[in-house]
PDB file of N, CA and C in Angstrom:
ATOM      1  N   MET A   1      94.713 114.192  50.950  1.00  0.00           N
ATOM      2  CA  MET A   1      95.766 114.505  51.841  1.00  0.00           C
ATOM      3  C   MET A   1      97.191 114.497  51.134  1.00  0.00           C
ATOM      4  N   ILE A   2      97.377 113.440  50.251  1.00  0.00           N
ATOM      5  CA  ILE A   2      98.658 113.448  49.528  1.00  0.00           C
ATOM      6  C   ILE A   2      98.836 114.624  48.663  1.00  0.00           C
ATOM      7  N   ALA A   3      97.718 114.873  47.914  1.00  0.00           N
ATOM      8  CA  ALA A   3      97.774 116.090  46.934  1.00  0.00           C
ATOM      9  C   ALA A   3      98.078 117.299  47.707  1.00  0.00           C
ATOM     10  N   ASP A   4      97.527 117.640  48.797  1.00  0.00           N
ATOM     11  CA  ASP A   4      97.834 118.751  49.657  1.00  0.00           C
ATOM     12  C   ASP A   4      99.324 118.913  50.082  1.00  0.00           C
ATOM     13  N   CYS A   5      99.964 117.691  50.401  1.00  0.00           N
ATOM     14  CA  CYS A   5     101.301 117.686  50.753  1.00  0.00           C
ATOM     15  C   CYS A   5     102.109 117.984  49.432  1.00  0.00           C
ATOM     16  N   VAL A   6     101.806 117.393  48.347  1.00  0.00           N
ATOM     17  CA  VAL A   6     102.552 117.523  47.074  1.00  0.00           C
ATOM     18  C   VAL A   6     102.585 118.897  46.660  1.00  0.00           C
ATOM     19  N   LEU A   7     101.408 119.515  46.772  1.00  0.00           N
ATOM     20  CA  LEU A   7     101.173 121.036  46.465  1.00  0.00           C
ATOM     21  C   LEU A   7     101.604 121.925  47.512  1.00  0.00           C
ATOM     22  N   ASN A   8     102.070 121.426  48.607  1.00  0.00           N
ATOM     23  CA  ASN A   8     102.546 122.268  49.745  1.00  0.00           C
ATOM     24  C   ASN A   8     101.301 123.170  50.178  1.00  0.00           C
ATOM     25  N   ALA A   9     100.111 122.678  50.137  1.00  0.00           N
ATOM     26  CA  ALA A   9      98.918 123.432  50.466  1.00  0.00           C
ATOM     27  C   ALA A   9      98.583 123.181  51.981  1.00  0.00           C
ATOM     28  N   THR A  10      99.383 122.581  52.746  1.00  0.00           N
ATOM     29  CA  THR A  10      99.055 122.407  54.162  1.00  0.00           C
ATOM     30  C   THR A  10     100.385 122.121  55.044  1.00  0.00           C
ATOM     31  N   ASP A  11     100.143 122.529  56.208  1.00  0.00           N
ATOM     32  CA  ASP A  11     101.176 122.267  57.081  1.00  0.00           C
ATOM     33  C   ASP A  11     100.757 121.048  58.119  1.00  0.00           C
ATOM     34  N   SER A  12      99.450 120.895  58.286  1.00  0.00           N
ATOM     35  CA  SER A  12      98.879 119.938  59.169  1.00  0.00           C
ATOM     36  C   SER A  12      97.785 119.180  58.507  1.00  0.00           C
ATOM     37  N   ILE A  13      97.639 118.006  58.896  1.00  0.00           N
ATOM     38  CA  ILE A  13      96.475 117.030  58.431  1.00  0.00           C
ATOM     39  C   ILE A  13      95.848 116.679  59.597  1.00  0.00           C
ATOM     40  N   VAL A  14      94.529 116.718  59.363  1.00  0.00           N
ATOM     41  CA  VAL A  14      93.565 116.203  60.580  1.00  0.00           C
ATOM     42  C   VAL A  14      92.792 115.240  59.877  1.00  0.00           C
ATOM     43  N   LEU A  15      92.841 113.923  60.303  1.00  0.00           N
ATOM     44  CA  LEU A  15      92.147 112.822  59.760  1.00  0.00           C
ATOM     45  C   LEU A  15      91.133 112.398  60.878  1.00  0.00           C
ATOM     46  N   ILE A  16      89.868 112.391  60.497  1.00  0.00           N
ATOM     47  CA  ILE A  16      88.786 111.842  61.384  1.00  0.00           C
ATOM     48  C   ILE A  16      88.325 110.596  60.776  1.00  0.00           C
ATOM     49  N   SER A  17      88.749 109.421  61.243  1.00  0.00           N
ATOM     50  CA  SER A  17      88.373 108.148  60.711  1.00  0.00           C
ATOM     51  C   SER A  17      88.845 106.975  61.589  1.00  0.00           C
ATOM     52  N   ALA A  18      88.273 105.838  61.386  1.00  0.00           N
ATOM     53  CA  ALA A  18      88.738 104.654  61.887  1.00  0.00           C
ATOM     54  C   ALA A  18      89.000 103.646  60.908  1.00  0.00           C
ATOM     55  N   ASP A  19      89.267 104.025  59.699  1.00  0.00           N
ATOM     56  CA  ASP A  19      89.442 103.299  58.490  1.00  0.00           C
ATOM     57  C   ASP A  19      90.876 102.919  58.280  1.00  0.00           C
ATOM     58  N   SER A  20      91.359 101.628  58.499  1.00  0.00           N
ATOM     59  CA  SER A  20      92.762 101.244  58.456  1.00  0.00           C
ATOM     60  C   SER A  20      93.131 101.328  56.978  1.00  0.00           C
ATOM     61  N   ASP A  21      92.219 101.468  56.078  1.00  0.00           N
ATOM     62  CA  ASP A  21      92.869 101.615  54.581  1.00  0.00           C
ATOM     63  C   ASP A  21      93.592 102.941  54.501  1.00  0.00           C
ATOM     64  N   LEU A  22      93.515 103.740  55.487  1.00  0.00           N
ATOM     65  CA  LEU A  22      94.107 105.115  55.257  1.00  0.00           C
ATOM     66  C   LEU A  22      95.616 105.029  55.848  1.00  0.00           C
ATOM     67  N   VAL A  23      95.959 103.948  56.262  1.00  0.00           N
ATOM     68  CA  VAL A  23      97.395 103.709  56.859  1.00  0.00           C
ATOM     69  C   VAL A  23      98.448 104.003  55.732  1.00  0.00           C
ATOM     70  N   PRO A  24      98.199 103.328  54.529  1.00  0.00           N
ATOM     71  CA  PRO A  24      99.238 103.549  53.456  1.00  0.00           C
ATOM     72  C   PRO A  24      99.534 104.978  53.080  1.00  0.00           C
ATOM     73  N   PRO A  25      98.294 105.823  52.921  1.00  0.00           N
ATOM     74  CA  PRO A  25      98.517 107.130  52.535  1.00  0.00           C
ATOM     75  C   PRO A  25      99.290 107.938  53.682  1.00  0.00           C
ATOM     76  N   LEU A  26      98.980 107.638  54.828  1.00  0.00           N
ATOM     77  CA  LEU A  26      99.737 108.255  56.055  1.00  0.00           C
ATOM     78  C   LEU A  26     101.040 107.937  55.978  1.00  0.00           C
ATOM     79  N   GLU A  27     101.530 106.622  55.762  1.00  0.00           N
ATOM     80  CA  GLU A  27     102.917 106.259  55.718  1.00  0.00           C
ATOM     81  C   GLU A  27     103.626 106.879  54.595  1.00  0.00           C
ATOM     82  N   PHE A  28     102.914 107.089  53.437  1.00  0.00           N
ATOM     83  CA  PHE A  28     103.636 107.860  52.310  1.00  0.00           C
ATOM     84  C   PHE A  28     103.820 109.207  52.852  1.00  0.00           C
ATOM     85  N   ILE A  29     102.992 109.875  53.403  1.00  0.00           N
ATOM     86  CA  ILE A  29     103.071 111.294  53.839  1.00  0.00           C
ATOM     87  C   ILE A  29     104.154 111.373  54.955  1.00  0.00           C
ATOM     88  N   GLN A  30     104.146 110.456  55.841  1.00  0.00           N
ATOM     89  CA  GLN A  30     105.177 110.421  56.910  1.00  0.00           C
ATOM     90  C   GLN A  30     106.560 110.206  56.272  1.00  0.00           C
ATOM     91  N   LYS A  31     106.665 109.374  55.332  1.00  0.00           N
ATOM     92  CA  LYS A  31     108.014 109.175  54.714  1.00  0.00           C
ATOM     93  C   LYS A  31     108.526 110.322  53.816  1.00  0.00           C
ATOM     94  N   HIS A  32     107.573 110.801  52.993  1.00  0.00           N
ATOM     95  CA  HIS A  32     108.025 111.681  52.004  1.00  0.00           C
ATOM     96  C   HIS A  32     107.908 113.272  52.507  1.00  0.00           C
ATOM     97  N   TYR A  33     107.042 113.492  53.448  1.00  0.00           N
ATOM     98  CA  TYR A  33     106.790 114.842  54.044  1.00  0.00           C
ATOM     99  C   TYR A  33     106.714 114.825  55.566  1.00  0.00           C
ATOM    100  N   PRO A  34     107.969 114.499  56.063  1.00  0.00           N
ATOM    101  CA  PRO A  34     108.067 114.248  57.578  1.00  0.00           C
ATOM    102  C   PRO A  34     107.783 115.458  58.384  1.00  0.00           C
ATOM    103  N   GLU A  35     107.822 116.714  57.679  1.00  0.00           N
ATOM    104  CA  GLU A  35     107.538 118.035  58.350  1.00  0.00           C
ATOM    105  C   GLU A  35     106.125 118.223  58.572  1.00  0.00           C
ATOM    106  N   LYS A  36     105.248 117.646  57.878  1.00  0.00           N
ATOM    107  CA  LYS A  36     103.781 117.615  57.997  1.00  0.00           C
ATOM    108  C   LYS A  36     103.244 117.118  59.310  1.00  0.00           C
ATOM    109  N   ARG A  37     102.537 117.746  60.093  1.00  0.00           N
ATOM    110  CA  ARG A  37     101.882 117.309  61.384  1.00  0.00           C
ATOM    111  C   ARG A  37     100.687 116.619  60.976  1.00  0.00           C
ATOM    112  N   ILE A  38     100.491 115.478  61.640  1.00  0.00           N
ATOM    113  CA  ILE A  38      99.320 114.608  61.351  1.00  0.00           C
ATOM    114  C   ILE A  38      98.652 114.289  62.636  1.00  0.00           C
ATOM    115  N   LYS A  39      97.400 114.529  62.759  1.00  0.00           N
ATOM    116  CA  LYS A  39      96.507 114.306  63.866  1.00  0.00           C
ATOM    117  C   LYS A  39      95.334 113.399  63.505  1.00  0.00           C
ATOM    118  N   VAL A  40      95.167 112.292  64.246  1.00  0.00           N
ATOM    119  CA  VAL A  40      94.096 111.353  63.866  1.00  0.00           C
ATOM    120  C   VAL A  40      93.121 111.391  64.982  1.00  0.00           C
ATOM    121  N   TYR A  41      91.885 111.580  64.701  1.00  0.00           N
ATOM    122  CA  TYR A  41      90.699 111.632  65.671  1.00  0.00           C
ATOM    123  C   TYR A  41      89.817 110.399  65.188  1.00  0.00           C
ATOM    124  N   PHE A  42      89.465 109.554  66.294  1.00  0.00           N
ATOM    125  CA  PHE A  42      88.520 108.459  66.136  1.00  0.00           C
ATOM    126  C   PHE A  42      87.109 108.862  66.419  1.00  0.00           C
ATOM    127  N   PRO A  43      86.193 108.670  65.497  1.00  0.00           N
ATOM    128  CA  PRO A  43      84.831 108.929  65.837  1.00  0.00           C
ATOM    129  C   PRO A  43      84.343 108.073  66.920  1.00  0.00           C
ATOM    130  N   PRO A  44      83.263 108.548  67.485  1.00  0.00           N
ATOM    131  CA  PRO A  44      82.681 107.766  68.624  1.00  0.00           C
ATOM    132  C   PRO A  44      82.274 106.368  68.145  1.00  0.00           C
ATOM    133  N   SER A  45      82.553 105.346  68.963  1.00  0.00           N
ATOM    134  CA  SER A  45      82.224 103.923  68.842  1.00  0.00           C
ATOM    135  C   SER A  45      82.962 103.424  67.603  1.00  0.00           C
ATOM    136  N   ASN A  46      84.027 103.916  67.036  1.00  0.00           N
ATOM    137  CA  ASN A  46      84.887 103.421  66.017  1.00  0.00           C
ATOM    138  C   ASN A  46      86.423 103.571  66.440  1.00  0.00           C
ATOM    139  N   PHE A  47      87.186 102.529  66.079  1.00  0.00           N
ATOM    140  CA  PHE A  47      88.596 102.538  66.392  1.00  0.00           C
ATOM    141  C   PHE A  47      89.322 101.694  65.468  1.00  0.00           C
ATOM    142  N   SER A  48      90.549 101.951  65.145  1.00  0.00           N
ATOM    143  CA  SER A  48      91.520 101.116  64.428  1.00  0.00           C
ATOM    144  C   SER A  48      92.731 101.021  65.092  1.00  0.00           C
ATOM    145  N   SER A  49      93.096  99.882  65.436  1.00  0.00           N
ATOM    146  CA  SER A  49      94.491  99.626  66.171  1.00  0.00           C
ATOM    147  C   SER A  49      95.646 100.022  65.065  1.00  0.00           C
ATOM    148  N   ASP A  50      95.368  99.645  63.842  1.00  0.00           N
ATOM    149  CA  ASP A  50      96.460  99.917  62.765  1.00  0.00           C
ATOM    150  C   ASP A  50      96.689 101.514  62.774  1.00  0.00           C
ATOM    151  N   LEU A  51      95.534 102.250  62.735  1.00  0.00           N
ATOM    152  CA  LEU A  51      95.828 103.712  62.695  1.00  0.00           C
ATOM    153  C   LEU A  51      96.398 104.222  63.899  1.00  0.00           C
ATOM    154  N   LYS A  52      95.980 103.764  65.077  1.00  0.00           N
ATOM    155  CA  LYS A  52      96.602 104.112  66.401  1.00  0.00           C
ATOM    156  C   LYS A  52      98.032 103.839  66.344  1.00  0.00           C
ATOM    157  N   ASP A  53      98.377 102.516  65.993  1.00  0.00           N
ATOM    158  CA  ASP A  53      99.724 102.127  65.990  1.00  0.00           C
ATOM    159  C   ASP A  53     100.706 103.005  65.118  1.00  0.00           C
ATOM    160  N   ASN A  54     100.036 103.377  64.003  1.00  0.00           N
ATOM    161  CA  ASN A  54     100.910 104.197  63.068  1.00  0.00           C
ATOM    162  C   ASN A  54     101.061 105.587  63.659  1.00  0.00           C
ATOM    163  N   VAL A  55     100.036 106.359  64.105  1.00  0.00           N
ATOM    164  CA  VAL A  55     100.366 107.562  64.641  1.00  0.00           C
ATOM    165  C   VAL A  55     101.163 107.591  65.967  1.00  0.00           C
ATOM    166  N   THR A  56     101.025 106.669  66.763  1.00  0.00           N
ATOM    167  CA  THR A  56     101.814 106.532  67.912  1.00  0.00           C
ATOM    168  C   THR A  56     103.183 106.224  67.612  1.00  0.00           C
ATOM    169  N   HIS A  57     103.534 105.467  66.557  1.00  0.00           N
ATOM    170  CA  HIS A  57     104.816 105.180  66.099  1.00  0.00           C
ATOM    171  C   HIS A  57     105.518 106.457  65.534  1.00  0.00           C
ATOM    172  N   HIS A  58     104.713 107.410  65.093  1.00  0.00           N
ATOM    173  CA  HIS A  58     105.199 108.638  64.572  1.00  0.00           C
ATOM    174  C   HIS A  58     105.097 109.792  65.491  1.00  0.00           C
ATOM    175  N   SER A  59     105.114 109.532  66.802  1.00  0.00           N
ATOM    176  CA  SER A  59     105.217 110.590  67.815  1.00  0.00           C
ATOM    177  C   SER A  59     104.045 111.468  67.847  1.00  0.00           C
ATOM    178  N   SER A  60     102.905 110.927  67.628  1.00  0.00           N
ATOM    179  CA  SER A  60     101.622 111.462  67.774  1.00  0.00           C
ATOM    180  C   SER A  60     100.635 110.662  68.768  1.00  0.00           C
ATOM    181  N   LYS A  61      99.627 111.283  68.998  1.00  0.00           N
ATOM    182  CA  LYS A  61      98.719 110.565  69.946  1.00  0.00           C
ATOM    183  C   LYS A  61      97.327 110.622  69.389  1.00  0.00           C
ATOM    184  N   PRO A  62      96.577 109.570  69.085  1.00  0.00           N
ATOM    185  CA  PRO A  62      95.251 109.727  68.505  1.00  0.00           C
ATOM    186  C   PRO A  62      94.319 110.190  69.515  1.00  0.00           C
ATOM    187  N   VAL A  63      93.274 110.920  69.131  1.00  0.00           N
ATOM    188  CA  VAL A  63      92.259 111.417  69.916  1.00  0.00           C
ATOM    189  C   VAL A  63      90.926 110.699  69.889  1.00  0.00           C
ATOM    190  N   LEU A  64      90.333 110.205  70.921  1.00  0.00           N
ATOM    191  CA  LEU A  64      89.071 109.566  70.884  1.00  0.00           C
ATOM    192  C   LEU A  64      87.975 110.690  71.085  1.00  0.00           C
ATOM    193  N   MET A  65      87.318 110.827  70.003  1.00  0.00           N
ATOM    194  CA  MET A  65      86.146 111.954  70.030  1.00  0.00           C
ATOM    195  C   MET A  65      85.336 111.916  71.183  1.00  0.00           C
ATOM    196  N   HIS A  66      84.909 110.643  71.565  1.00  0.00           N
ATOM    197  CA  HIS A  66      83.783 110.487  72.615  1.00  0.00           C
ATOM    198  C   HIS A  66      84.385 110.992  74.066  1.00  0.00           C
ATOM    199  N   LYS A  67      85.700 110.947  74.175  1.00  0.00           N
ATOM    200  CA  LYS A  67      86.381 111.495  75.344  1.00  0.00           C
ATOM    201  C   LYS A  67      86.591 113.005  75.235  1.00  0.00           C
ATOM    202  N   ASN A  68      86.354 113.618  74.187  1.00  0.00           N
ATOM    203  CA  ASN A  68      86.684 114.978  74.026  1.00  0.00           C
ATOM    204  C   ASN A  68      85.429 115.741  73.397  1.00  0.00           C
ATOM    205  N   GLU A  69      84.222 115.184  73.588  1.00  0.00           N
ATOM    206  CA  GLU A  69      83.034 115.813  72.895  1.00  0.00           C
ATOM    207  C   GLU A  69      82.931 117.323  73.250  1.00  0.00           C
ATOM    208  N   ARG A  70      83.187 117.844  74.329  1.00  0.00           N
ATOM    209  CA  ARG A  70      82.858 119.278  74.595  1.00  0.00           C
ATOM    210  C   ARG A  70      83.994 120.122  73.752  1.00  0.00           C
ATOM    211  N   ARG A  71      85.210 119.603  73.520  1.00  0.00           N
ATOM    212  CA  ARG A  71      86.189 120.372  72.766  1.00  0.00           C
ATOM    213  C   ARG A  71      85.702 120.464  71.272  1.00  0.00           C
ATOM    214  N   PHE A  72      85.133 119.333  70.815  1.00  0.00           N
ATOM    215  CA  PHE A  72      84.755 119.308  69.435  1.00  0.00           C
ATOM    216  C   PHE A  72      83.414 120.186  69.245  1.00  0.00           C
ATOM    217  N   ARG A  73      82.584 120.119  70.206  1.00  0.00           N
ATOM    218  CA  ARG A  73      81.303 120.954  70.072  1.00  0.00           C
ATOM    219  C   ARG A  73      81.641 122.417  70.035  1.00  0.00           C
ATOM    220  N   ASP A  74      82.665 122.777  70.922  1.00  0.00           N
ATOM    221  CA  ASP A  74      83.116 124.189  71.000  1.00  0.00           C
ATOM    222  C   ASP A  74      83.897 124.669  69.851  1.00  0.00           C
ATOM    223  N   ALA A  75      84.326 123.706  68.940  1.00  0.00           N
ATOM    224  CA  ALA A  75      84.956 124.020  67.800  1.00  0.00           C
ATOM    225  C   ALA A  75      84.176 124.235  66.486  1.00  0.00           C
ATOM    226  N   ILE A  76      82.824 123.863  66.758  1.00  0.00           N
ATOM    227  CA  ILE A  76      81.912 123.967  65.591  1.00  0.00           C
ATOM    228  C   ILE A  76      81.618 125.373  65.305  1.00  0.00           C
ATOM    229  N   MET A  77      81.764 125.747  64.011  1.00  0.00           N
ATOM    230  CA  MET A  77      81.422 127.327  63.679  1.00  0.00           C
ATOM    231  C   MET A  77      79.880 127.301  63.699  1.00  0.00           C
ATOM    232  N   PRO A  78      79.327 128.626  63.913  1.00  0.00           N
ATOM    233  CA  PRO A  78      77.982 128.895  63.883  1.00  0.00           C
ATOM    234  C   PRO A  78      77.522 128.738  62.485  1.00  0.00           C
ATOM    235  N   ASP A  79      76.288 128.585  62.246  1.00  0.00           N
ATOM    236  CA  ASP A  79      75.623 128.439  60.911  1.00  0.00           C
ATOM    237  C   ASP A  79      75.692 129.951  60.201  1.00  0.00           C
ATOM    238  N   GLU A  80      76.016 130.839  60.922  1.00  0.00           N
ATOM    239  CA  GLU A  80      76.059 132.258  60.262  1.00  0.00           C
ATOM    240  C   GLU A  80      77.232 133.011  60.812  1.00  0.00           C
ATOM    241  N   VAL A  81      78.153 133.572  59.930  1.00  0.00           N
ATOM    242  CA  VAL A  81      79.342 134.279  60.269  1.00  0.00           C
ATOM    243  C   VAL A  81      79.313 135.516  59.542  1.00  0.00           C
ATOM    244  N   SER A  82      79.760 136.612  60.253  1.00  0.00           N
ATOM    245  CA  SER A  82      79.910 137.898  59.569  1.00  0.00           C
ATOM    246  C   SER A  82      81.305 138.428  59.796  1.00  0.00           C
ATOM    247  N   ASP A  83      81.742 139.130  58.751  1.00  0.00           N
ATOM    248  CA  ASP A  83      83.061 139.702  58.847  1.00  0.00           C
ATOM    249  C   ASP A  83      82.874 141.266  58.984  1.00  0.00           C
ATOM    250  N   GLY A  84      81.620 141.676  59.274  1.00  0.00           N
ATOM    251  CA  GLY A  84      81.446 143.219  59.520  1.00  0.00           C
ATOM    252  C   GLY A  84      80.874 143.857  58.120  1.00  0.00           C
ATOM    253  N   VAL A  85      81.208 143.116  57.068  1.00  0.00           N
ATOM    254  CA  VAL A  85      80.769 143.676  55.769  1.00  0.00           C
ATOM    255  C   VAL A  85      79.827 142.698  55.140  1.00  0.00           C
ATOM    256  N   LYS A  86      80.035 141.569  55.190  1.00  0.00           N
ATOM    257  CA  LYS A  86      79.303 140.454  54.546  1.00  0.00           C
ATOM    258  C   LYS A  86      78.991 139.356  55.540  1.00  0.00           C
ATOM    259  N   THR A  87      77.790 138.751  55.484  1.00  0.00           N
ATOM    260  CA  THR A  87      77.258 137.669  56.286  1.00  0.00           C
ATOM    261  C   THR A  87      77.310 136.375  55.490  1.00  0.00           C
ATOM    262  N   TYR A  88      77.942 135.430  55.969  1.00  0.00           N
ATOM    263  CA  TYR A  88      77.952 134.057  55.319  1.00  0.00           C
ATOM    264  C   TYR A  88      77.150 133.149  56.037  1.00  0.00           C
ATOM    265  N   VAL A  89      76.272 132.303  55.359  1.00  0.00           N
ATOM    266  CA  VAL A  89      75.287 131.422  55.950  1.00  0.00           C
ATOM    267  C   VAL A  89      75.503 130.122  55.349  1.00  0.00           C
ATOM    268  N   ILE A  90      75.485 129.063  56.265  1.00  0.00           N
ATOM    269  CA  ILE A  90      75.657 127.651  55.834  1.00  0.00           C
ATOM    270  C   ILE A  90      74.597 127.279  54.811  1.00  0.00           C
ATOM    271  N   PRO A  91      74.985 126.686  53.741  1.00  0.00           N
ATOM    272  CA  PRO A  91      73.980 126.365  52.643  1.00  0.00           C
ATOM    273  C   PRO A  91      73.053 125.372  53.220  1.00  0.00           C
ATOM    274  N   GLU A  92      71.797 125.541  52.903  1.00  0.00           N
ATOM    275  CA  GLU A  92      70.669 124.589  53.406  1.00  0.00           C
ATOM    276  C   GLU A  92      71.086 123.091  53.048  1.00  0.00           C
ATOM    277  N   LYS A  93      71.696 122.848  51.951  1.00  0.00           N
ATOM    278  CA  LYS A  93      71.969 121.427  51.567  1.00  0.00           C
ATOM    279  C   LYS A  93      72.964 120.817  52.436  1.00  0.00           C
ATOM    280  N   TRP A  94      73.737 121.603  53.307  1.00  0.00           N
ATOM    281  CA  TRP A  94      74.617 121.135  54.230  1.00  0.00           C
ATOM    282  C   TRP A  94      73.948 120.609  55.550  1.00  0.00           C
ATOM    283  N   ILE A  95      72.808 121.036  55.745  1.00  0.00           N
ATOM    284  CA  ILE A  95      72.140 120.696  57.104  1.00  0.00           C
ATOM    285  C   ILE A  95      71.421 119.500  56.881  1.00  0.00           C
ATOM    286  N   PRO A  96      71.840 118.448  57.833  1.00  0.00           N
ATOM    287  CA  PRO A  96      71.113 117.165  57.771  1.00  0.00           C
ATOM    288  C   PRO A  96      69.557 117.259  57.914  1.00  0.00           C
ATOM    289  N   ASN A  97      68.929 116.380  57.356  1.00  0.00           N
ATOM    290  CA  ASN A  97      67.455 116.486  57.476  1.00  0.00           C
ATOM    291  C   ASN A  97      66.851 116.404  58.928  1.00  0.00           C
ATOM    292  N   ASN A  98      67.590 115.691  59.719  1.00  0.00           N
ATOM    293  CA  ASN A  98      67.084 115.491  61.031  1.00  0.00           C
ATOM    294  C   ASN A  98      67.447 116.622  62.121  1.00  0.00           C
ATOM    295  N   ILE A  99      67.996 117.778  61.631  1.00  0.00           N
ATOM    296  CA  ILE A  99      68.268 118.762  62.507  1.00  0.00           C
ATOM    297  C   ILE A  99      67.310 119.921  62.350  1.00  0.00           C
ATOM    298  N   VAL A 100      66.597 120.316  63.306  1.00  0.00           N
ATOM    299  CA  VAL A 100      65.778 121.528  63.219  1.00  0.00           C
ATOM    300  C   VAL A 100      66.244 122.701  64.028  1.00  0.00           C
ATOM    301  N   LYS A 101      66.243 123.802  63.215  1.00  0.00           N
ATOM    302  CA  LYS A 101      66.819 125.023  63.675  1.00  0.00           C
ATOM    303  C   LYS A 101      65.835 125.583  64.696  1.00  0.00           C
TER     304      LYS A 101
END
């Protein structure tokens, strides 16, 4: 996240985690790159008060994934995408063993 800010390779950061160890990097970004938008999503059954307090303090609102499951499912790209010329397929190694197509 910090490298992307330093290299100006991002306008927005999306963090999906409940790990409070990520508060210091977020604070660094918020202090040195205040123009970068940061959104924190908490995975189902995980939560961090420290992360929530940080993003709330910086005028953002954390999102609880279990309360927005439909939104996240709708945002998942299909395993195969075509641009009309070429078709791109998700690599087999990215597919978890427990998912049957």
